[in-house]
Amino acid sequence: MQPDLVIRALGALAQEHRLAVFRLLVQAGAEGIPAGVLAERLGVPPSSMSFHLTQLANAGLVTQRRESRSIIYSANYAAMNGVMSYLTENCCGGVPCDDAAICGLTPDRKSA
């Protein structure tokens, strides 16, 4: 993933409501969530939700599809994984990270 795309994605997520929306969409899976439901769950006016969803879509983090009268939004997992891969490239000095190994920590140090 190119640095400019990562910066755009991180910039879009650097806002409380957009981060909350993205987290809900990641949890929802491929089924997605209608824009109106997202607005209700977060207590955000529909016009504000539309703005936030547009920002996330412009950053490539969400996709949308029409179902009848609703627009359903879903997380773009490929973009999310691309950002995560970029951020963790060469993590732990090239040693594979897994649940048993925490990056940057040694057995005698439990925090960075």
PDB file of N, CA and C in Angstrom:
ATOM      1  N   MET A   1       0.847  -1.173   0.000  1.00  0.00           N
ATOM      2  CA  MET A   1       0.000   0.000   0.000  1.00  0.00           C
ATOM      3  C   MET A   1       0.895   1.239   0.000  1.00  0.00           C
ATOM      4  N   GLN A   2       0.500   2.222  -0.752  1.00  0.00           N
ATOM      5  CA  GLN A   2       1.266   3.456  -0.885  1.00  0.00           C
ATOM      6  C   GLN A   2       1.077   4.342   0.345  1.00  0.00           C
ATOM      7  N   PRO A   3       2.131   5.030   0.768  1.00  0.00           N
ATOM      8  CA  PRO A   3       2.040   5.893   1.952  1.00  0.00           C
ATOM      9  C   PRO A   3       0.908   6.927   1.879  1.00  0.00           C
ATOM     10  N   ASP A   4       0.658   7.506   0.695  1.00  0.00           N
ATOM     11  CA  ASP A   4      -0.400   8.516   0.596  1.00  0.00           C
ATOM     12  C   ASP A   4      -1.776   7.924   0.875  1.00  0.00           C
ATOM     13  N   LEU A   5      -1.995   6.670   0.500  1.00  0.00           N
ATOM     14  CA  LEU A   5      -3.274   6.013   0.785  1.00  0.00           C
ATOM     15  C   LEU A   5      -3.411   5.709   2.273  1.00  0.00           C
ATOM     16  N   VAL A   6      -2.306   5.329   2.895  1.00  0.00           N
ATOM     17  CA  VAL A   6      -2.324   5.066   4.337  1.00  0.00           C
ATOM     18  C   VAL A   6      -2.618   6.358   5.084  1.00  0.00           C
ATOM     19  N   ILE A   7      -1.989   7.437   4.670  1.00  0.00           N
ATOM     20  CA  ILE A   7      -2.215   8.732   5.317  1.00  0.00           C
ATOM     21  C   ILE A   7      -3.671   9.150   5.167  1.00  0.00           C
ATOM     22  N   ARG A   8      -4.242   8.958   3.991  1.00  0.00           N
ATOM     23  CA  ARG A   8      -5.651   9.306   3.771  1.00  0.00           C
ATOM     24  C   ARG A   8      -6.560   8.470   4.670  1.00  0.00           C
ATOM     25  N   ALA A   9      -6.274   7.175   4.778  1.00  0.00           N
ATOM     26  CA  ALA A   9      -7.091   6.290   5.621  1.00  0.00           C
ATOM     27  C   ALA A   9      -6.976   6.677   7.093  1.00  0.00           C
ATOM     28  N   LEU A  10      -5.765   6.902   7.548  1.00  0.00           N
ATOM     29  CA  LEU A  10      -5.575   7.276   8.952  1.00  0.00           C
ATOM     30  C   LEU A  10      -6.199   8.637   9.250  1.00  0.00           C
ATOM     31  N   GLY A  11      -6.122   9.546   8.289  1.00  0.00           N
ATOM     32  CA  GLY A  11      -6.755  10.851   8.459  1.00  0.00           C
ATOM     33  C   GLY A  11      -8.262  10.735   8.590  1.00  0.00           C
ATOM     34  N   ALA A  12      -8.850   9.851   7.793  1.00  0.00           N
ATOM     35  CA  ALA A  12     -10.300   9.653   7.869  1.00  0.00           C
ATOM     36  C   ALA A  12     -10.703   9.054   9.212  1.00  0.00           C
ATOM     37  N   LEU A  13      -9.866   8.208   9.763  1.00  0.00           N
ATOM     38  CA  LEU A  13     -10.178   7.563  11.043  1.00  0.00           C
ATOM     39  C   LEU A  13      -9.850   8.447  12.246  1.00  0.00           C
ATOM     40  N   ALA A  14      -9.197   9.564  12.010  1.00  0.00           N
ATOM     41  CA  ALA A  14      -8.775  10.442  13.105  1.00  0.00           C
ATOM     42  C   ALA A  14      -9.889  11.400  13.520  1.00  0.00           C
ATOM     43  N   GLN A  15     -11.091  10.860  13.631  1.00  0.00           N
ATOM     44  CA  GLN A  15     -12.245  11.637  14.065  1.00  0.00           C
ATOM     45  C   GLN A  15     -13.158  10.660  14.804  1.00  0.00           C
ATOM     46  N   GLU A  16     -13.665  11.082  15.931  1.00  0.00           N
ATOM     47  CA  GLU A  16     -14.416  10.200  16.838  1.00  0.00           C
ATOM     48  C   GLU A  16     -15.558   9.440  16.166  1.00  0.00           C
ATOM     49  N   HIS A  17     -16.428  10.133  15.436  1.00  0.00           N
ATOM     50  CA  HIS A  17     -17.583   9.458  14.830  1.00  0.00           C
ATOM     51  C   HIS A  17     -17.175   8.530  13.698  1.00  0.00           C
ATOM     52  N   ARG A  18     -16.206   8.953  12.895  1.00  0.00           N
ATOM     53  CA  ARG A  18     -15.772   8.083  11.792  1.00  0.00           C
ATOM     54  C   ARG A  18     -15.094   6.828  12.316  1.00  0.00           C
ATOM     55  N   LEU A  19     -14.314   6.964  13.357  1.00  0.00           N
ATOM     56  CA  LEU A  19     -13.686   5.790  13.955  1.00  0.00           C
ATOM     57  C   LEU A  19     -14.753   4.847  14.505  1.00  0.00           C
ATOM     58  N   ALA A  20     -15.753   5.389  15.165  1.00  0.00           N
ATOM     59  CA  ALA A  20     -16.837   4.565  15.711  1.00  0.00           C
ATOM     60  C   ALA A  20     -17.619   3.875  14.594  1.00  0.00           C
ATOM     61  N   VAL A  21     -17.892   4.601  13.513  1.00  0.00           N
ATOM     62  CA  VAL A  21     -18.596   4.012  12.363  1.00  0.00           C
ATOM     63  C   VAL A  21     -17.790   2.862  11.787  1.00  0.00           C
ATOM     64  N   PHE A  22     -16.506   3.101  11.576  1.00  0.00           N
ATOM     65  CA  PHE A  22     -15.671   2.066  10.975  1.00  0.00           C
ATOM     66  C   PHE A  22     -15.627   0.823  11.860  1.00  0.00           C
ATOM     67  N   ARG A  23     -15.505   1.020  13.155  1.00  0.00           N
ATOM     68  CA  ARG A  23     -15.489  -0.128  14.075  1.00  0.00           C
ATOM     69  C   ARG A  23     -16.802  -0.907  14.010  1.00  0.00           C
ATOM     70  N   LEU A  24     -17.933  -0.208  13.939  1.00  0.00           N
ATOM     71  CA  LEU A  24     -19.223  -0.898  13.807  1.00  0.00           C
ATOM     72  C   LEU A  24     -19.293  -1.682  12.503  1.00  0.00           C
ATOM     73  N   LEU A  25     -18.793  -1.087  11.428  1.00  0.00           N
ATOM     74  CA  LEU A  25     -18.832  -1.772  10.141  1.00  0.00           C
ATOM     75  C   LEU A  25     -17.918  -2.993  10.122  1.00  0.00           C
ATOM     76  N   VAL A  26     -16.768  -2.896  10.754  1.00  0.00           N
ATOM     77  CA  VAL A  26     -15.871  -4.052  10.840  1.00  0.00           C
ATOM     78  C   VAL A  26     -16.567  -5.178  11.600  1.00  0.00           C
ATOM     79  N   GLN A  27     -17.252  -4.839  12.678  1.00  0.00           N
ATOM     80  CA  GLN A  27     -17.959  -5.840  13.475  1.00  0.00           C
ATOM     81  C   GLN A  27     -19.129  -6.448  12.714  1.00  0.00           C
ATOM     82  N   ALA A  28     -19.762  -5.674  11.845  1.00  0.00           N
ATOM     83  CA  ALA A  28     -20.948  -6.138  11.118  1.00  0.00           C
ATOM     84  C   ALA A  28     -20.613  -7.165  10.051  1.00  0.00           C
ATOM     85  N   GLY A  29     -19.392  -7.155   9.562  1.00  0.00           N
ATOM     86  CA  GLY A  29     -19.019  -8.102   8.518  1.00  0.00           C
ATOM     87  C   GLY A  29     -19.517  -7.659   7.152  1.00  0.00           C
ATOM     88  N   ALA A  30     -19.507  -8.586   6.213  1.00  0.00           N
ATOM     89  CA  ALA A  30     -19.857  -8.291   4.822  1.00  0.00           C
ATOM     90  C   ALA A  30     -21.315  -7.864   4.667  1.00  0.00           C
ATOM     91  N   GLU A  31     -22.153  -8.221   5.615  1.00  0.00           N
ATOM     92  CA  GLU A  31     -23.567  -7.850   5.558  1.00  0.00           C
ATOM     93  C   GLU A  31     -23.742  -6.333   5.574  1.00  0.00           C
ATOM     94  N   GLY A  32     -22.894  -5.654   6.343  1.00  0.00           N
ATOM     95  CA  GLY A  32     -22.944  -4.198   6.404  1.00  0.00           C
ATOM     96  C   GLY A  32     -24.091  -3.687   7.252  1.00  0.00           C
ATOM     97  N   ILE A  33     -24.231  -2.368   7.272  1.00  0.00           N
ATOM     98  CA  ILE A  33     -25.248  -1.701   8.070  1.00  0.00           C
ATOM     99  C   ILE A  33     -25.790  -0.520   7.265  1.00  0.00           C
ATOM    100  N   PRO A  34     -27.099  -0.338   7.256  1.00  0.00           N
ATOM    101  CA  PRO A  34     -27.661   0.831   6.575  1.00  0.00           C
ATOM    102  C   PRO A  34     -27.215   2.136   7.239  1.00  0.00           C
ATOM    103  N   ALA A  35     -27.094   3.181   6.452  1.00  0.00           N
ATOM    104  CA  ALA A  35     -26.644   4.477   6.954  1.00  0.00           C
ATOM    105  C   ALA A  35     -27.534   4.977   8.085  1.00  0.00           C
ATOM    106  N   GLY A  36     -28.846   4.818   7.951  1.00  0.00           N
ATOM    107  CA  GLY A  36     -29.764   5.277   8.989  1.00  0.00           C
ATOM    108  C   GLY A  36     -29.565   4.569  10.311  1.00  0.00           C
ATOM    109  N   VAL A  37     -29.270   3.293  10.262  1.00  0.00           N
ATOM    110  CA  VAL A  37     -29.025   2.519  11.483  1.00  0.00           C
ATOM    111  C   VAL A  37     -27.728   2.984  12.139  1.00  0.00           C
ATOM    112  N   LEU A  38     -26.709   3.246  11.328  1.00  0.00           N
ATOM    113  CA  LEU A  38     -25.453   3.765  11.876  1.00  0.00           C
ATOM    114  C   LEU A  38     -25.698   5.089  12.602  1.00  0.00           C
ATOM    115  N   ALA A  39     -26.468   5.966  11.969  1.00  0.00           N
ATOM    116  CA  ALA A  39     -26.766   7.265  12.578  1.00  0.00           C
ATOM    117  C   ALA A  39     -27.495   7.087  13.904  1.00  0.00           C
ATOM    118  N   GLU A  40     -28.468   6.178  13.939  1.00  0.00           N
ATOM    119  CA  GLU A  40     -29.210   5.921  15.179  1.00  0.00           C
ATOM    120  C   GLU A  40     -28.307   5.373  16.271  1.00  0.00           C
ATOM    121  N   ARG A  41     -27.508   4.387  15.933  1.00  0.00           N
ATOM    122  CA  ARG A  41     -26.639   3.756  16.932  1.00  0.00           C
ATOM    123  C   ARG A  41     -25.661   4.728  17.558  1.00  0.00           C
ATOM    124  N   LEU A  42     -25.190   5.678  16.765  1.00  0.00           N
ATOM    125  CA  LEU A  42     -24.189   6.617  17.267  1.00  0.00           C
ATOM    126  C   LEU A  42     -24.791   7.939  17.725  1.00  0.00           C
ATOM    127  N   GLY A  43     -26.098   8.110  17.530  1.00  0.00           N
ATOM    128  CA  GLY A  43     -26.739   9.352  17.930  1.00  0.00           C
ATOM    129  C   GLY A  43     -26.250  10.547  17.137  1.00  0.00           C
ATOM    130  N   VAL A  44     -26.007  10.312  15.847  1.00  0.00           N
ATOM    131  CA  VAL A  44     -25.499  11.354  14.959  1.00  0.00           C
ATOM    132  C   VAL A  44     -26.612  11.699  13.962  1.00  0.00           C
ATOM    133  N   PRO A  45     -26.841  12.985  13.685  1.00  0.00           N
ATOM    134  CA  PRO A  45     -27.847  13.344  12.682  1.00  0.00           C
ATOM    135  C   PRO A  45     -27.525  12.710  11.328  1.00  0.00           C
ATOM    136  N   PRO A  46     -28.556  12.313  10.573  1.00  0.00           N
ATOM    137  CA  PRO A  46     -28.319  11.672   9.270  1.00  0.00           C
ATOM    138  C   PRO A  46     -27.426  12.479   8.328  1.00  0.00           C
ATOM    139  N   SER A  47     -27.564  13.806   8.329  1.00  0.00           N
ATOM    140  CA  SER A  47     -26.723  14.611   7.432  1.00  0.00           C
ATOM    141  C   SER A  47     -25.249  14.535   7.847  1.00  0.00           C
ATOM    142  N   SER A  48     -24.997  14.520   9.136  1.00  0.00           N
ATOM    143  CA  SER A  48     -23.616  14.369   9.620  1.00  0.00           C
ATOM    144  C   SER A  48     -23.084  12.978   9.308  1.00  0.00           C
ATOM    145  N   MET A  49     -23.945  11.967   9.461  1.00  0.00           N
ATOM    146  CA  MET A  49     -23.517  10.597   9.159  1.00  0.00           C
ATOM    147  C   MET A  49     -23.148  10.481   7.696  1.00  0.00           C
ATOM    148  N   SER A  50     -23.923  11.099   6.836  1.00  0.00           N
ATOM    149  CA  SER A  50     -23.628  11.075   5.404  1.00  0.00           C
ATOM    150  C   SER A  50     -22.250  11.669   5.128  1.00  0.00           C
ATOM    151  N   PHE A  51     -21.936  12.778   5.785  1.00  0.00           N
ATOM    152  CA  PHE A  51     -20.626  13.413   5.626  1.00  0.00           C
ATOM    153  C   PHE A  51     -19.507  12.463   6.071  1.00  0.00           C
ATOM    154  N   HIS A  52     -19.686  11.844   7.234  1.00  0.00           N
ATOM    155  CA  HIS A  52     -18.651  10.945   7.753  1.00  0.00           C
ATOM    156  C   HIS A  52     -18.473   9.726   6.846  1.00  0.00           C
ATOM    157  N   LEU A  53     -19.569   9.174   6.363  1.00  0.00           N
ATOM    158  CA  LEU A  53     -19.486   8.011   5.468  1.00  0.00           C
ATOM    159  C   LEU A  53     -18.800   8.384   4.154  1.00  0.00           C
ATOM    160  N   THR A  54     -19.051   9.590   3.674  1.00  0.00           N
ATOM    161  CA  THR A  54     -18.384  10.053   2.451  1.00  0.00           C
ATOM    162  C   THR A  54     -16.879  10.151   2.671  1.00  0.00           C
ATOM    163  N   GLN A  55     -16.477  10.648   3.827  1.00  0.00           N
ATOM    164  CA  GLN A  55     -15.050  10.750   4.136  1.00  0.00           C
ATOM    165  C   GLN A  55     -14.404   9.368   4.182  1.00  0.00           C
ATOM    166  N   LEU A  56     -15.077   8.414   4.803  1.00  0.00           N
ATOM    167  CA  LEU A  56     -14.550   7.048   4.879  1.00  0.00           C
ATOM    168  C   LEU A  56     -14.501   6.401   3.500  1.00  0.00           C
ATOM    169  N   ALA A  57     -15.519   6.653   2.688  1.00  0.00           N
ATOM    170  CA  ALA A  57     -15.542   6.101   1.329  1.00  0.00           C
ATOM    171  C   ALA A  57     -14.435   6.719   0.477  1.00  0.00           C
ATOM    172  N   ASN A  58     -14.222   8.038   0.604  1.00  0.00           N
ATOM    173  CA  ASN A  58     -13.154   8.700  -0.159  1.00  0.00           C
ATOM    174  C   ASN A  58     -11.776   8.184   0.235  1.00  0.00           C
ATOM    175  N   ALA A  59     -11.647   7.727   1.466  1.00  0.00           N
ATOM    176  CA  ALA A  59     -10.384   7.150   1.928  1.00  0.00           C
ATOM    177  C   ALA A  59     -10.261   5.681   1.546  1.00  0.00           C
ATOM    178  N   GLY A  60     -11.315   5.131   0.945  1.00  0.00           N
ATOM    179  CA  GLY A  60     -11.283   3.731   0.510  1.00  0.00           C
ATOM    180  C   GLY A  60     -11.554   2.728   1.612  1.00  0.00           C
ATOM    181  N   LEU A  61     -12.036   3.195   2.758  1.00  0.00           N
ATOM    182  CA  LEU A  61     -12.239   2.294   3.899  1.00  0.00           C
ATOM    183  C   LEU A  61     -13.610   1.638   3.935  1.00  0.00           C
ATOM    184  N   VAL A  62     -14.573   2.192   3.214  1.00  0.00           N
ATOM    185  CA  VAL A  62     -15.907   1.588   3.205  1.00  0.00           C
ATOM    186  C   VAL A  62     -16.406   1.478   1.769  1.00  0.00           C
ATOM    187  N   THR A  63     -17.299   0.541   1.580  1.00  0.00           N
ATOM    188  CA  THR A  63     -17.985   0.383   0.305  1.00  0.00           C
ATOM    189  C   THR A  63     -19.475   0.573   0.569  1.00  0.00           C
ATOM    190  N   GLN A  64     -20.208   0.826  -0.481  1.00  0.00           N
ATOM    191  CA  GLN A  64     -21.647   1.003  -0.329  1.00  0.00           C
ATOM    192  C   GLN A  64     -22.377   0.265  -1.438  1.00  0.00           C
ATOM    193  N   ARG A  65     -23.585  -0.153  -1.119  1.00  0.00           N
ATOM    194  CA  ARG A  65     -24.444  -0.780  -2.116  1.00  0.00           C
ATOM    195  C   ARG A  65     -25.881  -0.392  -1.802  1.00  0.00           C
ATOM    196  N   ARG A  66     -26.686  -0.348  -2.820  1.00  0.00           N
ATOM    197  CA  ARG A  66     -28.077   0.005  -2.642  1.00  0.00           C
ATOM    198  C   ARG A  66     -28.903  -1.270  -2.519  1.00  0.00           C
ATOM    199  N   GLU A  67     -29.763  -1.283  -1.521  1.00  0.00           N
ATOM    200  CA  GLU A  67     -30.744  -2.355  -1.352  1.00  0.00           C
ATOM    201  C   GLU A  67     -32.088  -1.687  -1.145  1.00  0.00           C
ATOM    202  N   SER A  68     -32.923  -1.757  -2.182  1.00  0.00           N
ATOM    203  CA  SER A  68     -34.220  -1.098  -2.149  1.00  0.00           C
ATOM    204  C   SER A  68     -34.015   0.395  -1.930  1.00  0.00           C
ATOM    205  N   ARG A  69     -34.510   0.936  -0.831  1.00  0.00           N
ATOM    206  CA  ARG A  69     -34.401   2.372  -0.571  1.00  0.00           C
ATOM    207  C   ARG A  69     -33.239   2.707   0.361  1.00  0.00           C
ATOM    208  N   SER A  70     -32.498   1.710   0.784  1.00  0.00           N
ATOM    209  CA  SER A  70     -31.409   1.925   1.741  1.00  0.00           C
ATOM    210  C   SER A  70     -30.049   1.817   1.058  1.00  0.00           C
ATOM    211  N   ILE A  71     -29.111   2.549   1.597  1.00  0.00           N
ATOM    212  CA  ILE A  71     -27.714   2.383   1.194  1.00  0.00           C
ATOM    213  C   ILE A  71     -27.028   1.659   2.340  1.00  0.00           C
ATOM    214  N   ILE A  72     -26.459   0.510   2.010  1.00  0.00           N
ATOM    215  CA  ILE A  72     -25.787  -0.331   2.996  1.00  0.00           C
ATOM    216  C   ILE A  72     -24.290  -0.097   2.882  1.00  0.00           C
ATOM    217  N   TYR A  73     -23.675   0.174   4.006  1.00  0.00           N
ATOM    218  CA  TYR A  73     -22.232   0.403   4.054  1.00  0.00           C
ATOM    219  C   TYR A  73     -21.540  -0.795   4.686  1.00  0.00           C
ATOM    220  N   SER A  74     -20.378  -1.124   4.159  1.00  0.00           N
ATOM    221  CA  SER A  74     -19.560  -2.226   4.670  1.00  0.00           C
ATOM    222  C   SER A  74     -18.112  -1.771   4.754  1.00  0.00           C
ATOM    223  N   ALA A  75     -17.389  -2.366   5.673  1.00  0.00           N
ATOM    224  CA  ALA A  75     -15.955  -2.102   5.771  1.00  0.00           C
ATOM    225  C   ALA A  75     -15.254  -2.706   4.563  1.00  0.00           C
ATOM    226  N   ASN A  76     -14.272  -2.010   4.052  1.00  0.00           N
ATOM    227  CA  ASN A  76     -13.426  -2.529   2.981  1.00  0.00           C
ATOM    228  C   ASN A  76     -12.254  -3.223   3.669  1.00  0.00           C
ATOM    229  N   TYR A  77     -12.400  -4.539   3.843  1.00  0.00           N
ATOM    230  CA  TYR A  77     -11.394  -5.290   4.598  1.00  0.00           C
ATOM    231  C   TYR A  77     -10.043  -5.316   3.898  1.00  0.00           C
ATOM    232  N   ALA A  78     -10.034  -5.288   2.566  1.00  0.00           N
ATOM    233  CA  ALA A  78      -8.758  -5.277   1.843  1.00  0.00           C
ATOM    234  C   ALA A  78      -7.991  -3.996   2.161  1.00  0.00           C
ATOM    235  N   ALA A  79      -8.696  -2.862   2.187  1.00  0.00           N
ATOM    236  CA  ALA A  79      -8.036  -1.597   2.524  1.00  0.00           C
ATOM    237  C   ALA A  79      -7.577  -1.604   3.973  1.00  0.00           C
ATOM    238  N   MET A  80      -8.424  -2.090   4.868  1.00  0.00           N
ATOM    239  CA  MET A  80      -8.062  -2.154   6.279  1.00  0.00           C
ATOM    240  C   MET A  80      -6.819  -3.027   6.465  1.00  0.00           C
ATOM    241  N   ASN A  81      -6.807  -4.180   5.828  1.00  0.00           N
ATOM    242  CA  ASN A  81      -5.653  -5.072   5.946  1.00  0.00           C
ATOM    243  C   ASN A  81      -4.403  -4.458   5.323  1.00  0.00           C
ATOM    244  N   GLY A  82      -4.590  -3.689   4.254  1.00  0.00           N
ATOM    245  CA  GLY A  82      -3.457  -3.008   3.642  1.00  0.00           C
ATOM    246  C   GLY A  82      -2.836  -1.984   4.582  1.00  0.00           C
ATOM    247  N   VAL A  83      -3.683  -1.225   5.274  1.00  0.00           N
ATOM    248  CA  VAL A  83      -3.182  -0.249   6.250  1.00  0.00           C
ATOM    249  C   VAL A  83      -2.471  -0.974   7.387  1.00  0.00           C
ATOM    250  N   MET A  84      -3.085  -2.025   7.890  1.00  0.00           N
ATOM    251  CA  MET A  84      -2.471  -2.776   8.990  1.00  0.00           C
ATOM    252  C   MET A  84      -1.137  -3.385   8.556  1.00  0.00           C
ATOM    253  N   SER A  85      -1.078  -3.916   7.356  1.00  0.00           N
ATOM    254  CA  SER A  85       0.173  -4.493   6.850  1.00  0.00           C
ATOM    255  C   SER A  85       1.246  -3.428   6.724  1.00  0.00           C
ATOM    256  N   TYR A  86       0.867  -2.266   6.225  1.00  0.00           N
ATOM    257  CA  TYR A  86       1.825  -1.173   6.090  1.00  0.00           C
ATOM    258  C   TYR A  86       2.376  -0.773   7.452  1.00  0.00           C
ATOM    259  N   LEU A  87       1.489  -0.654   8.437  1.00  0.00           N
ATOM    260  CA  LEU A  87       1.911  -0.221   9.766  1.00  0.00           C
ATOM    261  C   LEU A  87       2.767  -1.263  10.484  1.00  0.00           C
ATOM    262  N   THR A  88       2.559  -2.529  10.181  1.00  0.00           N
ATOM    263  CA  THR A  88       3.273  -3.578  10.899  1.00  0.00           C
ATOM    264  C   THR A  88       4.374  -4.226  10.061  1.00  0.00           C
ATOM    265  N   GLU A  89       4.641  -3.674   8.892  1.00  0.00           N
ATOM    266  CA  GLU A  89       5.707  -4.213   8.047  1.00  0.00           C
ATOM    267  C   GLU A  89       7.014  -4.200   8.835  1.00  0.00           C
ATOM    268  N   ASN A  90       7.696  -5.300   8.820  1.00  0.00           N
ATOM    269  CA  ASN A  90       8.952  -5.476   9.551  1.00  0.00           C
ATOM    270  C   ASN A  90       8.787  -5.334  11.056  1.00  0.00           C
ATOM    271  N   CYS A  91       7.603  -5.637  11.524  1.00  0.00           N
ATOM    272  CA  CYS A  91       7.325  -5.588  12.962  1.00  0.00           C
ATOM    273  C   CYS A  91       8.242  -6.570  13.694  1.00  0.00           C
ATOM    274  N   CYS A  92       8.573  -6.228  14.888  1.00  0.00           N
ATOM    275  CA  CYS A  92       9.364  -7.100  15.769  1.00  0.00           C
ATOM    276  C   CYS A  92      10.715  -7.462  15.167  1.00  0.00           C
ATOM    277  N   GLY A  93      11.289  -6.566  14.400  1.00  0.00           N
ATOM    278  CA  GLY A  93      12.604  -6.809  13.828  1.00  0.00           C
ATOM    279  C   GLY A  93      12.629  -7.968  12.856  1.00  0.00           C
ATOM    280  N   GLY A  94      11.520  -8.219  12.186  1.00  0.00           N
ATOM    281  CA  GLY A  94      11.447  -9.293  11.215  1.00  0.00           C
ATOM    282  C   GLY A  94      11.037 -10.633  11.786  1.00  0.00           C
ATOM    283  N   VAL A  95      10.888 -10.720  13.101  1.00  0.00           N
ATOM    284  CA  VAL A  95      10.446 -11.954  13.734  1.00  0.00           C
ATOM    285  C   VAL A  95       8.924 -12.029  13.604  1.00  0.00           C
ATOM    286  N   PRO A  96       8.382 -13.147  13.146  1.00  0.00           N
ATOM    287  CA  PRO A  96       6.924 -13.239  13.010  1.00  0.00           C
ATOM    288  C   PRO A  96       6.213 -12.971  14.339  1.00  0.00           C
ATOM    289  N   CYS A  97       5.196 -12.139  14.275  1.00  0.00           N
ATOM    290  CA  CYS A  97       4.399 -11.826  15.464  1.00  0.00           C
ATOM    291  C   CYS A  97       3.234 -12.804  15.551  1.00  0.00           C
ATOM    292  N   ASP A  98       2.957 -13.256  16.734  1.00  0.00           N
ATOM    293  CA  ASP A  98       1.775 -14.074  16.964  1.00  0.00           C
ATOM    294  C   ASP A  98       1.237 -13.721  18.334  1.00  0.00           C
ATOM    295  N   ASP A  99       0.209 -14.426  18.787  1.00  0.00           N
ATOM    296  CA  ASP A  99      -0.397 -14.106  20.078  1.00  0.00           C
ATOM    297  C   ASP A  99       0.583 -14.247  21.230  1.00  0.00           C
ATOM    298  N   ALA A 100       1.555 -15.128  21.094  1.00  0.00           N
ATOM    299  CA  ALA A 100       2.499 -15.357  22.184  1.00  0.00           C
ATOM    300  C   ALA A 100       3.600 -14.299  22.227  1.00  0.00           C
ATOM    301  N   ALA A 101       3.828 -13.619  21.113  1.00  0.00           N
ATOM    302  CA  ALA A 101       4.898 -12.615  21.052  1.00  0.00           C
ATOM    303  C   ALA A 101       4.289 -11.236  20.902  1.00  0.00           C
ATOM    304  N   ILE A 102       4.612 -10.341  21.812  1.00  0.00           N
ATOM    305  CA  ILE A 102       4.119  -8.975  21.745  1.00  0.00           C
ATOM    306  C   ILE A 102       5.256  -8.108  21.237  1.00  0.00           C
ATOM    307  N   CYS A 103       5.002  -7.397  20.149  1.00  0.00           N
ATOM    308  CA  CYS A 103       6.049  -6.562  19.548  1.00  0.00           C
ATOM    309  C   CYS A 103       6.626  -5.596  20.557  1.00  0.00           C
ATOM    310  N   GLY A 104       7.943  -5.499  20.579  1.00  0.00           N
ATOM    311  CA  GLY A 104       8.625  -4.531  21.412  1.00  0.00           C
ATOM    312  C   GLY A 104       8.774  -4.922  22.864  1.00  0.00           C
ATOM    313  N   LEU A 105       8.279  -6.081  23.245  1.00  0.00           N
ATOM    314  CA  LEU A 105       8.364  -6.495  24.644  1.00  0.00           C
ATOM    315  C   LEU A 105       9.291  -7.685  24.796  1.00  0.00           C
ATOM    316  N   THR A 106      10.025  -7.674  25.844  1.00  0.00           N
ATOM    317  CA  THR A 106      10.874  -8.814  26.192  1.00  0.00           C
ATOM    318  C   THR A 106      10.252  -9.474  27.408  1.00  0.00           C
ATOM    319  N   PRO A 107      10.612 -10.715  27.710  1.00  0.00           N
ATOM    320  CA  PRO A 107       9.990 -11.398  28.853  1.00  0.00           C
ATOM    321  C   PRO A 107      10.101 -10.646  30.158  1.00  0.00           C
ATOM    322  N   ASP A 108      11.190  -9.870  30.355  1.00  0.00           N
ATOM    323  CA  ASP A 108      11.351  -9.148  31.599  1.00  0.00           C
ATOM    324  C   ASP A 108      10.664  -7.780  31.600  1.00  0.00           C
ATOM    325  N   ARG A 109      10.165  -7.330  30.425  1.00  0.00           N
ATOM    326  CA  ARG A 109       9.470  -6.049  30.304  1.00  0.00           C
ATOM    327  C   ARG A 109       8.062  -6.282  29.798  1.00  0.00           C
ATOM    328  N   LYS A 110       7.066  -5.876  30.521  1.00  0.00           N
ATOM    329  CA  LYS A 110       5.681  -6.112  30.117  1.00  0.00           C
ATOM    330  C   LYS A 110       5.051  -4.905  29.454  1.00  0.00           C
ATOM    331  N   SER A 111       5.761  -3.797  29.336  1.00  0.00           N
ATOM    332  CA  SER A 111       5.232  -2.640  28.610  1.00  0.00           C
ATOM    333  C   SER A 111       6.380  -1.933  27.897  1.00  0.00           C
ATOM    334  N   ALA A 112       6.015  -1.191  26.856  1.00  0.00           N
ATOM    335  CA  ALA A 112       7.041  -0.490  26.075  1.00  0.00           C
ATOM    336  C   ALA A 112       7.383   0.830  26.683  1.00  0.00           C
TER     337      ALA A 112
END
